[in-house]
């Protein structure tokens, strides 16, 4: 398989049903240079006897860099019953150092009882902490989270030290939220570090929290991906982009086939947006 351009990244959520060893094989087969990896995946690998540093070495053996660690939620108050609550910031730092990541994806829980200014102050402090490791701290907005849209994410980044903060833009979160292309176009260059691409049916299935785990391949749903990707291209925001198609349907496929379908669908849309494809 030909290598994809260096800016393509395979988001780990796409291959969540599969063991990490299979994910790495699929990433290499499809020609990726980089993947994201979840805290849960790293923890599971360690519990099975594979330390994070060994995981990074195996990834390198496949020609793949584990570039983004995700998602960090414990920078804000979090319900201890939530599985992600076990990943405190010390653990995040240990994993990130061992993996050699460039960025950390952070999410804000909902119903925190904090003002946007209070969240922004905590975010700025987190950016300073992670910058000591050489990492960008990228906020991922989501309509069901404490940071619901791009304007709120932008407000956080303006409070952080220059060069330490950025945004992860998920087409699912944007299109299930405000989906304001004019506001996106006005957001300016340099705000968005990474882009995740997926699609969805017109109607939400249950809650947004449930629906986000039932995504569709780009082009199979109702999102205006051509419009969104076109605006992102104009902003110069498609330098690090790839599929994040989270769906239980992929469990019926092989890992390589799931990655292939997600990659080919995403590349078709990027080509239509005049982004250099493979």
Protein backbone atom coordinates (compact mmCIF):
# COMPACT_ATOMS: atom_id res chain seq x y z
CA UNK A 1 0.00 0.00 0.00
CA UNK A 2 1.27 3.48 -0.85
CA UNK A 3 2.08 5.74 2.05
CA UNK A 4 -0.44 8.46 2.79
CA UNK A 5 0.77 12.07 3.03
CA UNK A 6 2.53 12.79 6.35
CA UNK A 7 -0.43 14.81 7.61
CA UNK A 8 -2.87 11.91 7.66
CA UNK A 9 -3.66 10.47 11.09
CA UNK A 10 -5.74 7.39 11.91
CA UNK A 11 -7.88 8.21 14.94
CA UNK A 12 -7.90 5.30 17.32
CA UNK A 13 -11.65 5.40 17.92
CA UNK A 14 -12.17 4.05 14.41
CA UNK A 15 -10.52 0.77 15.35
CA UNK A 16 -11.68 0.61 18.97
CA UNK A 17 -13.20 -2.89 18.58
CA UNK A 18 -9.76 -4.37 17.82
CA UNK A 19 -6.60 -5.13 19.84
CA UNK A 20 -3.88 -2.52 19.55
CA UNK A 21 -1.55 -4.96 17.76
CA UNK A 22 -4.13 -5.30 14.97
CA UNK A 23 -4.61 -1.54 14.88
CA UNK A 24 -0.91 -1.04 14.22
CA UNK A 25 -0.90 -3.61 11.41
CA UNK A 26 -3.91 -1.91 9.82
CA UNK A 27 -2.34 1.54 10.11
CA UNK A 28 0.82 0.32 8.39
CA UNK A 29 -1.16 -1.51 5.71
CA UNK A 30 -3.16 1.62 4.85
CA UNK A 31 -0.04 3.76 4.74
CA UNK A 32 -0.46 5.93 7.82
CA UNK A 33 2.48 7.68 9.45
CA UNK A 34 0.58 8.51 12.66
CA UNK A 35 -2.21 7.30 14.94
CA UNK A 36 -3.90 8.52 18.05
CA UNK A 37 -4.19 6.19 21.01
CA UNK A 38 -6.58 6.21 23.93
CA UNK A 39 -5.62 6.11 27.57
CA UNK A 40 -7.76 2.99 27.94
CA UNK A 41 -5.83 1.27 25.15
CA UNK A 42 -2.48 2.06 26.76
CA UNK A 43 -3.77 0.88 30.14
CA UNK A 44 -5.05 -2.37 28.63
CA UNK A 45 -1.69 -2.97 26.96
CA UNK A 46 0.13 -2.41 30.25
CA UNK A 47 -2.25 -4.74 32.06
CA UNK A 48 -1.46 -7.44 29.47
CA UNK A 49 2.27 -7.00 30.04
CA UNK A 50 3.18 -4.46 27.35
CA UNK A 51 4.51 -1.21 28.89
CA UNK A 52 3.81 2.04 27.08
CA UNK A 53 7.43 2.35 25.92
CA UNK A 54 7.25 -1.10 24.33
CA UNK A 55 3.97 -0.12 22.67
CA UNK A 56 5.73 2.89 21.13
CA UNK A 57 8.58 0.67 19.92
CA UNK A 58 6.15 -1.74 18.28
CA UNK A 59 4.35 1.15 16.60
CA UNK A 60 7.67 2.44 15.27
CA UNK A 61 8.36 -1.02 13.89
CA UNK A 62 5.24 -0.58 11.76
CA UNK A 63 6.37 2.87 10.65
CA UNK A 64 3.66 4.48 12.76
CA UNK A 65 4.04 7.18 15.38
CA UNK A 66 1.61 7.40 18.31
CA UNK A 67 1.13 11.14 18.00
CA UNK A 68 -1.90 12.01 20.14
CA UNK A 69 -2.96 10.65 23.53
CA UNK A 70 -6.70 10.88 24.22
CA UNK A 71 -9.01 11.76 25.90
CA UNK A 72 -8.00 13.44 29.15
CA UNK A 73 -10.93 14.43 31.38
CA UNK A 74 -9.38 14.62 34.86
CA UNK A 75 -8.17 18.22 34.48
CA UNK A 76 -11.69 19.15 35.64
CA UNK A 77 -13.94 17.62 38.32
CA UNK A 78 -15.17 14.24 37.14
CA UNK A 79 -17.56 11.63 38.49
CA UNK A 80 -15.30 8.91 39.99
CA UNK A 81 -17.69 6.27 38.65
CA UNK A 82 -16.76 7.24 35.09
CA UNK A 83 -14.16 4.82 33.70
CA UNK A 84 -12.00 7.67 32.39
CA UNK A 85 -11.67 9.02 35.94
CA UNK A 86 -8.95 6.45 36.66
CA UNK A 87 -6.54 8.25 34.34
CA UNK A 88 -5.21 11.04 36.55
CA UNK A 89 -2.79 13.63 35.21
CA UNK A 90 0.26 11.86 36.60
CA UNK A 91 -0.67 8.77 34.61
CA UNK A 92 -1.28 10.87 31.50
CA UNK A 93 2.21 12.35 31.83
CA UNK A 94 3.79 8.93 32.34
CA UNK A 95 2.06 7.48 29.29
CA UNK A 96 2.75 10.51 27.14
CA UNK A 97 6.45 10.53 27.93
CA UNK A 98 6.80 6.80 27.24
CA UNK A 99 4.87 7.04 23.97
CA UNK A 100 6.60 10.19 22.74
CA UNK A 101 3.37 11.97 21.80
CA UNK A 102 3.16 15.46 20.34
CA UNK A 103 -0.27 16.38 21.66
CA UNK A 104 -2.87 15.48 24.24
CA UNK A 105 -6.61 15.66 23.53
CA UNK A 106 -8.69 16.98 26.42
CA UNK A 107 -12.46 16.97 26.93
CA UNK A 108 -14.63 18.85 29.40
CA UNK A 109 -17.37 16.92 31.16
CA UNK A 110 -20.88 18.32 31.36
CA UNK A 111 -22.71 19.65 34.41
CA UNK A 112 -19.51 20.77 36.12
CA UNK A 113 -20.95 23.84 37.85
CA UNK A 114 -18.01 25.90 36.56
CA UNK A 115 -18.16 29.08 34.52
CA UNK A 116 -16.43 29.26 31.15
CA UNK A 117 -13.84 31.56 32.71
CA UNK A 118 -13.10 29.04 35.46
CA UNK A 119 -12.73 26.28 32.88
CA UNK A 120 -10.46 28.53 30.81
CA UNK A 121 -8.21 29.19 33.80
CA UNK A 122 -7.85 25.46 34.47
CA UNK A 123 -7.19 24.82 30.81
CA UNK A 124 -4.42 27.43 30.72
CA UNK A 125 -2.80 25.81 33.76
CA UNK A 126 -3.02 22.39 32.09
CA UNK A 127 -1.43 23.80 28.93
CA UNK A 128 1.49 25.08 30.98
CA UNK A 129 1.88 21.71 32.70
CA UNK A 130 1.87 19.72 29.46
CA UNK A 131 4.03 22.27 27.63
CA UNK A 132 6.84 21.27 30.00
CA UNK A 133 6.80 17.92 28.15
CA UNK A 134 6.74 19.61 24.74
CA UNK A 135 3.07 18.74 24.11
CA UNK A 136 0.24 20.78 22.65
CA UNK A 137 -2.93 20.60 24.75
CA UNK A 138 -5.82 20.35 22.31
CA UNK A 139 -9.38 20.92 23.47
CA UNK A 140 -12.02 18.87 21.66
CA UNK A 141 -15.39 20.57 21.78
CA UNK A 142 -18.58 18.48 21.76
CA UNK A 143 -22.24 19.54 21.96
CA UNK A 144 -22.86 17.27 24.97
CA UNK A 145 -19.78 18.43 26.88
CA UNK A 146 -18.78 21.41 28.99
CA UNK A 147 -17.21 23.04 25.92
CA UNK A 148 -19.99 22.76 23.39
CA UNK A 149 -18.77 24.48 20.24
CA UNK A 150 -15.90 26.12 18.41
CA UNK A 151 -16.44 29.63 19.87
CA UNK A 152 -16.18 28.22 23.41
CA UNK A 153 -13.07 26.23 22.46
CA UNK A 154 -11.54 29.33 20.91
CA UNK A 155 -12.23 31.25 24.11
CA UNK A 156 -10.22 28.67 26.05
CA UNK A 157 -7.25 28.78 23.71
CA UNK A 158 -6.99 32.57 23.95
CA UNK A 159 -6.37 32.25 27.69
CA UNK A 160 -3.47 29.83 27.27
CA UNK A 161 0.16 30.74 26.71
CA UNK A 162 0.99 31.15 22.98
CA UNK A 163 2.03 27.91 21.29
CA UNK A 164 0.65 25.62 23.99
CA UNK A 165 -3.01 25.24 22.98
CA UNK A 166 -5.06 24.15 20.00
CA UNK A 167 -8.37 22.62 18.96
CA UNK A 168 -9.32 19.16 17.75
CA UNK A 169 -12.16 19.61 15.26
CA UNK A 170 -14.48 16.61 14.92
CA UNK A 171 -16.95 16.87 12.03
CA UNK A 172 -19.45 14.82 14.05
CA UNK A 173 -19.36 17.23 17.01
CA UNK A 174 -19.51 20.27 14.73
CA UNK A 175 -22.40 19.03 12.59
CA UNK A 176 -24.40 17.65 15.52
CA UNK A 177 -23.93 21.02 17.22
CA UNK A 178 -24.26 24.53 15.81
CA UNK A 179 -22.71 23.66 12.41
CA UNK A 180 -22.20 27.35 11.62
CA UNK A 181 -19.96 27.50 8.55
CA UNK A 182 -19.74 31.30 8.68
CA UNK A 183 -18.48 31.15 12.25
CA UNK A 184 -16.03 28.42 11.27
CA UNK A 185 -14.72 30.54 8.41
CA UNK A 186 -14.30 33.49 10.78
CA UNK A 187 -12.35 31.45 13.35
CA UNK A 188 -9.05 32.27 11.69
CA UNK A 189 -5.97 30.30 10.76
CA UNK A 190 -3.86 28.56 13.38
CA UNK A 191 -6.66 27.63 15.78
CA UNK A 192 -7.36 24.04 14.67
CA UNK A 193 -4.53 21.51 15.04
CA UNK A 194 -6.29 18.27 14.11
CA UNK A 195 -9.43 17.22 12.22
CA UNK A 196 -11.48 14.05 12.68
CA UNK A 197 -13.86 13.05 9.87
CA UNK A 198 -17.07 11.02 10.06
CA UNK A 199 -20.73 11.24 9.08
CA UNK A 200 -24.09 10.44 10.66
CA UNK A 201 -27.75 9.90 9.90
CA UNK A 202 -30.00 12.94 9.80
CA UNK A 203 -31.89 11.91 12.93
CA UNK A 204 -30.11 11.47 16.26
CA UNK A 205 -30.38 7.93 17.63
CA UNK A 206 -31.32 8.36 21.29
CA UNK A 207 -29.10 10.84 23.12
CA UNK A 208 -26.09 12.57 21.60
CA UNK A 209 -23.94 10.55 23.99
CA UNK A 210 -25.28 7.35 22.46
CA UNK A 211 -25.39 8.60 18.90
CA UNK A 212 -21.70 9.49 18.84
CA UNK A 213 -20.89 5.76 19.01
CA UNK A 214 -23.02 5.05 15.93
CA UNK A 215 -21.28 7.08 13.25
CA UNK A 216 -21.28 6.48 9.52
CA UNK A 217 -18.58 6.51 6.89
CA UNK A 218 -18.06 9.90 5.24
CA UNK A 219 -20.61 10.19 2.44
CA UNK A 220 -23.09 7.73 3.94
CA UNK A 221 -24.88 10.26 6.13
CA UNK A 222 -26.39 13.73 6.14
CA UNK A 223 -23.48 16.01 7.03
CA UNK A 224 -22.33 18.74 4.65
CA UNK A 225 -18.79 17.41 4.65
CA UNK A 226 -17.96 19.14 1.37
CA UNK A 227 -18.85 22.48 2.91
CA UNK A 228 -17.07 21.82 6.20
CA UNK A 229 -13.89 20.45 4.64
CA UNK A 230 -13.87 23.24 2.08
CA UNK A 231 -13.91 25.87 4.83
CA UNK A 232 -11.25 23.98 6.79
CA UNK A 233 -9.08 23.84 3.68
CA UNK A 234 -9.42 27.60 3.30
CA UNK A 235 -8.25 28.01 6.88
CA UNK A 236 -5.23 25.80 6.29
CA UNK A 237 -6.61 23.49 8.98
CA UNK A 238 -6.28 20.16 7.17
CA UNK A 239 -2.61 19.57 7.87
CA UNK A 240 -3.40 16.71 10.29
CA UNK A 241 -6.62 14.95 9.35
CA UNK A 242 -8.10 11.47 9.23
CA UNK A 243 -11.13 9.30 9.94
CA UNK A 244 -12.76 8.83 13.32
CA UNK A 245 -15.65 6.56 12.42
CA UNK A 246 -16.80 5.12 15.73
CA UNK A 247 -19.32 2.38 15.04
CA UNK A 248 -20.15 -1.11 16.35
CA UNK A 249 -20.60 -2.18 12.72
CA UNK A 250 -16.83 -2.36 12.31
CA UNK A 251 -16.70 -5.25 14.79
CA UNK A 252 -18.17 -7.41 12.01
CA UNK A 253 -15.14 -6.68 9.79
CA UNK A 254 -11.45 -7.39 10.03
CA UNK A 255 -9.39 -4.56 11.46
CA UNK A 256 -7.67 -3.92 8.11
CA UNK A 257 -10.99 -3.83 6.27
CA UNK A 258 -12.50 -1.40 8.77
CA UNK A 259 -9.48 0.87 8.41
CA UNK A 260 -9.60 0.59 4.62
CA UNK A 261 -13.25 1.59 4.39
CA UNK A 262 -12.81 4.53 6.74
CA UNK A 263 -9.66 5.69 4.97
CA UNK A 264 -10.98 5.43 1.43
CA UNK A 265 -14.21 7.25 2.29
CA UNK A 266 -12.28 10.03 4.01
CA UNK A 267 -9.76 10.36 1.17
CA UNK A 268 -12.55 10.74 -1.38
CA UNK A 269 -13.91 13.71 0.55
CA UNK A 270 -10.49 15.24 1.07
CA UNK A 271 -9.80 14.94 -2.64
CA UNK A 272 -13.08 16.72 -3.37
CA UNK A 273 -11.96 19.47 -1.00
CA UNK A 274 -8.72 19.71 -3.01
CA UNK A 275 -6.56 18.29 -0.24
CA UNK A 276 -3.71 16.19 -1.63
CA UNK A 277 -4.75 12.53 -1.41
CA UNK A 278 -2.72 9.33 -1.73
